[in-house]
C-alpha atoms as a PDB file:
ATOM      1  CA  UNK A   1      15.396  16.355  37.368  1.00  0.00           C
ATOM      2  CA  UNK A   2      18.806  14.554  38.420  1.00  0.00           C
ATOM      3  CA  UNK A   3      20.960  16.732  36.502  1.00  0.00           C
ATOM      4  CA  UNK A   4      19.681  19.553  38.307  1.00  0.00           C
ATOM      5  CA  UNK A   5      21.368  18.440  41.336  1.00  0.00           C
ATOM      6  CA  UNK A   6      24.706  18.645  41.278  1.00  0.00           C
ATOM      7  CA  UNK A   7      25.604  15.738  43.465  1.00  0.00           C
ATOM      8  CA  UNK A   8      23.374  13.473  41.502  1.00  0.00           C
ATOM      9  CA  UNK A   9      24.953  14.799  38.201  1.00  0.00           C
ATOM     10  CA  UNK A  10      28.296  14.264  39.083  1.00  0.00           C
ATOM     11  CA  UNK A  11      27.378  10.685  40.013  1.00  0.00           C
ATOM     12  CA  UNK A  12      25.668  10.017  36.884  1.00  0.00           C
ATOM     13  CA  UNK A  13      28.505  11.443  34.530  1.00  0.00           C
ATOM     14  CA  UNK A  14      31.084   9.072  36.593  1.00  0.00           C
ATOM     15  CA  UNK A  15      28.930   6.242  35.907  1.00  0.00           C
ATOM     16  CA  UNK A  16      28.675   7.221  31.984  1.00  0.00           C
ATOM     17  CA  UNK A  17      32.511   7.501  31.987  1.00  0.00           C
ATOM     18  CA  UNK A  18      33.176   3.487  33.162  1.00  0.00           C
ATOM     19  CA  UNK A  19      31.805   1.738  30.284  1.00  0.00           C
ATOM     20  CA  UNK A  20      32.842   4.443  27.538  1.00  0.00           C
ATOM     21  CA  UNK A  21      35.778   4.059  25.791  1.00  0.00           C
ATOM     22  CA  UNK A  22      38.476   6.420  26.321  1.00  0.00           C
ATOM     23  CA  UNK A  23      37.767   8.288  23.144  1.00  0.00           C
ATOM     24  CA  UNK A  24      34.770   9.574  24.865  1.00  0.00           C
ATOM     25  CA  UNK A  25      35.688  10.446  28.057  1.00  0.00           C
ATOM     26  CA  UNK A  26      36.552  14.224  27.170  1.00  0.00           C
ATOM     27  CA  UNK A  27      33.099  14.826  25.330  1.00  0.00           C
ATOM     28  CA  UNK A  28      31.639  13.227  28.598  1.00  0.00           C
ATOM     29  CA  UNK A  29      33.369  15.967  30.434  1.00  0.00           C
ATOM     30  CA  UNK A  30      32.495  18.685  28.239  1.00  0.00           C
ATOM     31  CA  UNK A  31      28.943  17.675  28.812  1.00  0.00           C
ATOM     32  CA  UNK A  32      29.339  17.718  32.363  1.00  0.00           C
ATOM     33  CA  UNK A  33      30.812  21.470  32.229  1.00  0.00           C
ATOM     34  CA  UNK A  34      27.872  22.439  30.001  1.00  0.00           C
ATOM     35  CA  UNK A  35      25.425  20.951  32.292  1.00  0.00           C
ATOM     36  CA  UNK A  36      27.443  22.729  35.468  1.00  0.00           C
ATOM     37  CA  UNK A  37      27.320  26.256  33.845  1.00  0.00           C
ATOM     38  CA  UNK A  38      23.435  25.749  32.418  1.00  0.00           C
ATOM     39  CA  UNK A  39      22.715  24.871  36.151  1.00  0.00           C
ATOM     40  CA  UNK A  40      24.210  28.114  37.564  1.00  0.00           C
ATOM     41  CA  UNK A  41      22.601  30.282  35.029  1.00  0.00           C
ATOM     42  CA  UNK A  42      18.950  28.965  35.201  1.00  0.00           C
ATOM     43  CA  UNK A  43      19.670  29.921  39.221  1.00  0.00           C
ATOM     44  CA  UNK A  44      20.804  33.093  38.530  1.00  0.00           C
ATOM     45  CA  UNK A  45      18.355  33.769  36.050  1.00  0.00           C
ATOM     46  CA  UNK A  46      15.516  32.479  38.356  1.00  0.00           C
ATOM     47  CA  UNK A  47      17.008  35.261  41.057  1.00  0.00           C
ATOM     48  CA  UNK A  48      16.850  37.653  38.325  1.00  0.00           C
ATOM     49  CA  UNK A  49      13.701  37.169  37.292  1.00  0.00           C
ATOM     50  CA  UNK A  50      12.172  37.411  40.910  1.00  0.00           C
ATOM     51  CA  UNK A  51      13.733  40.538  41.305  1.00  0.00           C
ATOM     52  CA  UNK A  52      12.579  42.304  38.584  1.00  0.00           C
ATOM     53  CA  UNK A  53       8.963  40.984  39.390  1.00  0.00           C
ATOM     54  CA  UNK A  54       9.477  42.888  42.745  1.00  0.00           C
ATOM     55  CA  UNK A  55      11.097  45.792  41.544  1.00  0.00           C
ATOM     56  CA  UNK A  56      10.103  46.454  38.315  1.00  0.00           C
ATOM     57  CA  UNK A  57       7.501  44.632  36.622  1.00  0.00           C
ATOM     58  CA  UNK A  58       4.669  44.959  39.938  1.00  0.00           C
ATOM     59  CA  UNK A  59       5.576  48.571  40.529  1.00  0.00           C
ATOM     60  CA  UNK A  60       5.394  49.597  36.857  1.00  0.00           C
ATOM     61  CA  UNK A  61       2.082  47.840  36.859  1.00  0.00           C
ATOM     62  CA  UNK A  62       0.442  49.675  39.333  1.00  0.00           C
ATOM     63  CA  UNK A  63       2.066  52.926  37.832  1.00  0.00           C
ATOM     64  CA  UNK A  64       0.462  52.443  34.567  1.00  0.00           C
ATOM     65  CA  UNK A  65      -2.978  51.408  36.509  1.00  0.00           C
ATOM     66  CA  UNK A  66      -2.740  54.760  38.321  1.00  0.00           C
ATOM     67  CA  UNK A  67      -1.902  56.417  35.511  1.00  0.00           C
ATOM     68  CA  UNK A  68      -4.917  55.558  33.698  1.00  0.00           C
ATOM     69  CA  UNK A  69      -6.775  56.296  36.277  1.00  0.00           C
ATOM     70  CA  UNK A  70      -5.823  59.971  36.269  1.00  0.00           C
ATOM     71  CA  UNK A  71      -6.117  59.862  32.452  1.00  0.00           C
ATOM     72  CA  UNK A  72      -9.688  58.631  32.511  1.00  0.00           C
ATOM     73  CA  UNK A  73     -10.696  61.647  35.204  1.00  0.00           C
ATOM     74  CA  UNK A  74      -9.078  64.336  33.497  1.00  0.00           C
ATOM     75  CA  UNK A  75     -11.060  63.113  30.258  1.00  0.00           C
ATOM     76  CA  UNK A  76     -14.209  63.221  31.845  1.00  0.00           C
ATOM     77  CA  UNK A  77     -13.656  66.818  33.178  1.00  0.00           C
ATOM     78  CA  UNK A  78     -12.536  68.096  29.937  1.00  0.00           C
ATOM     79  CA  UNK A  79     -15.484  66.321  28.283  1.00  0.00           C
ATOM     80  CA  UNK A  80     -17.933  67.897  31.463  1.00  0.00           C
ATOM     81  CA  UNK A  81     -16.407  71.507  30.606  1.00  0.00           C
ATOM     82  CA  UNK A  82     -17.560  70.989  26.825  1.00  0.00           C
ATOM     83  CA  UNK A  83     -20.970  69.886  27.271  1.00  0.00           C
ATOM     84  CA  UNK A  84     -21.235  72.807  29.684  1.00  0.00           C
ATOM     85  CA  UNK A  85     -20.032  75.204  27.255  1.00  0.00           C
ATOM     86  CA  UNK A  86     -22.248  73.726  24.381  1.00  0.00           C
ATOM     87  CA  UNK A  87     -25.489  74.294  26.984  1.00  0.00           C
ATOM     88  CA  UNK A  88     -24.381  77.912  27.484  1.00  0.00           C
ATOM     89  CA  UNK A  89     -23.626  78.611  23.922  1.00  0.00           C
ATOM     90  CA  UNK A  90     -27.054  76.890  23.308  1.00  0.00           C
ATOM     91  CA  UNK A  91     -29.094  79.817  25.443  1.00  0.00           C
ATOM     92  CA  UNK A  92     -27.053  82.947  24.081  1.00  0.00           C
ATOM     93  CA  UNK A  93     -28.801  84.102  20.569  1.00  0.00           C
ATOM     94  CA  UNK A  94     -26.274  85.732  18.105  1.00  0.00           C
ATOM     95  CA  UNK A  95     -27.440  89.057  17.046  1.00  0.00           C
ATOM     96  CA  UNK A  96     -27.897  89.176  13.386  1.00  0.00           C
ATOM     97  CA  UNK A  97     -28.289  93.499  12.861  1.00  0.00           C
ATOM     98  CA  UNK A  98     -26.625  96.129  14.862  1.00  0.00           C
ATOM     99  CA  UNK A  99     -29.240  98.161  16.392  1.00  0.00           C
ATOM    100  CA  UNK A 100     -28.517 102.045  16.273  1.00  0.00           C
END
């Protein structure tokens, strides 16, 4: 993309100014300024995106996976305890009357 390269973009805008009327020169200058600002913010945005991936997104994804595994293992333990209690309670017969 020609406008992404600052030196090529400057040449393109200079070529636009030559055949254009003097009234359009300020509009072309405004357009050039907008393209320059957009180019610098785009490179800054790419840098921020890469930083977010390295610092935030990837470690947080691993943390969520780890917490999910911990949750599953804890849930399995609770279910095993409940099943054990049910088996124990099945063998214990409740007394219907008190013996004197």
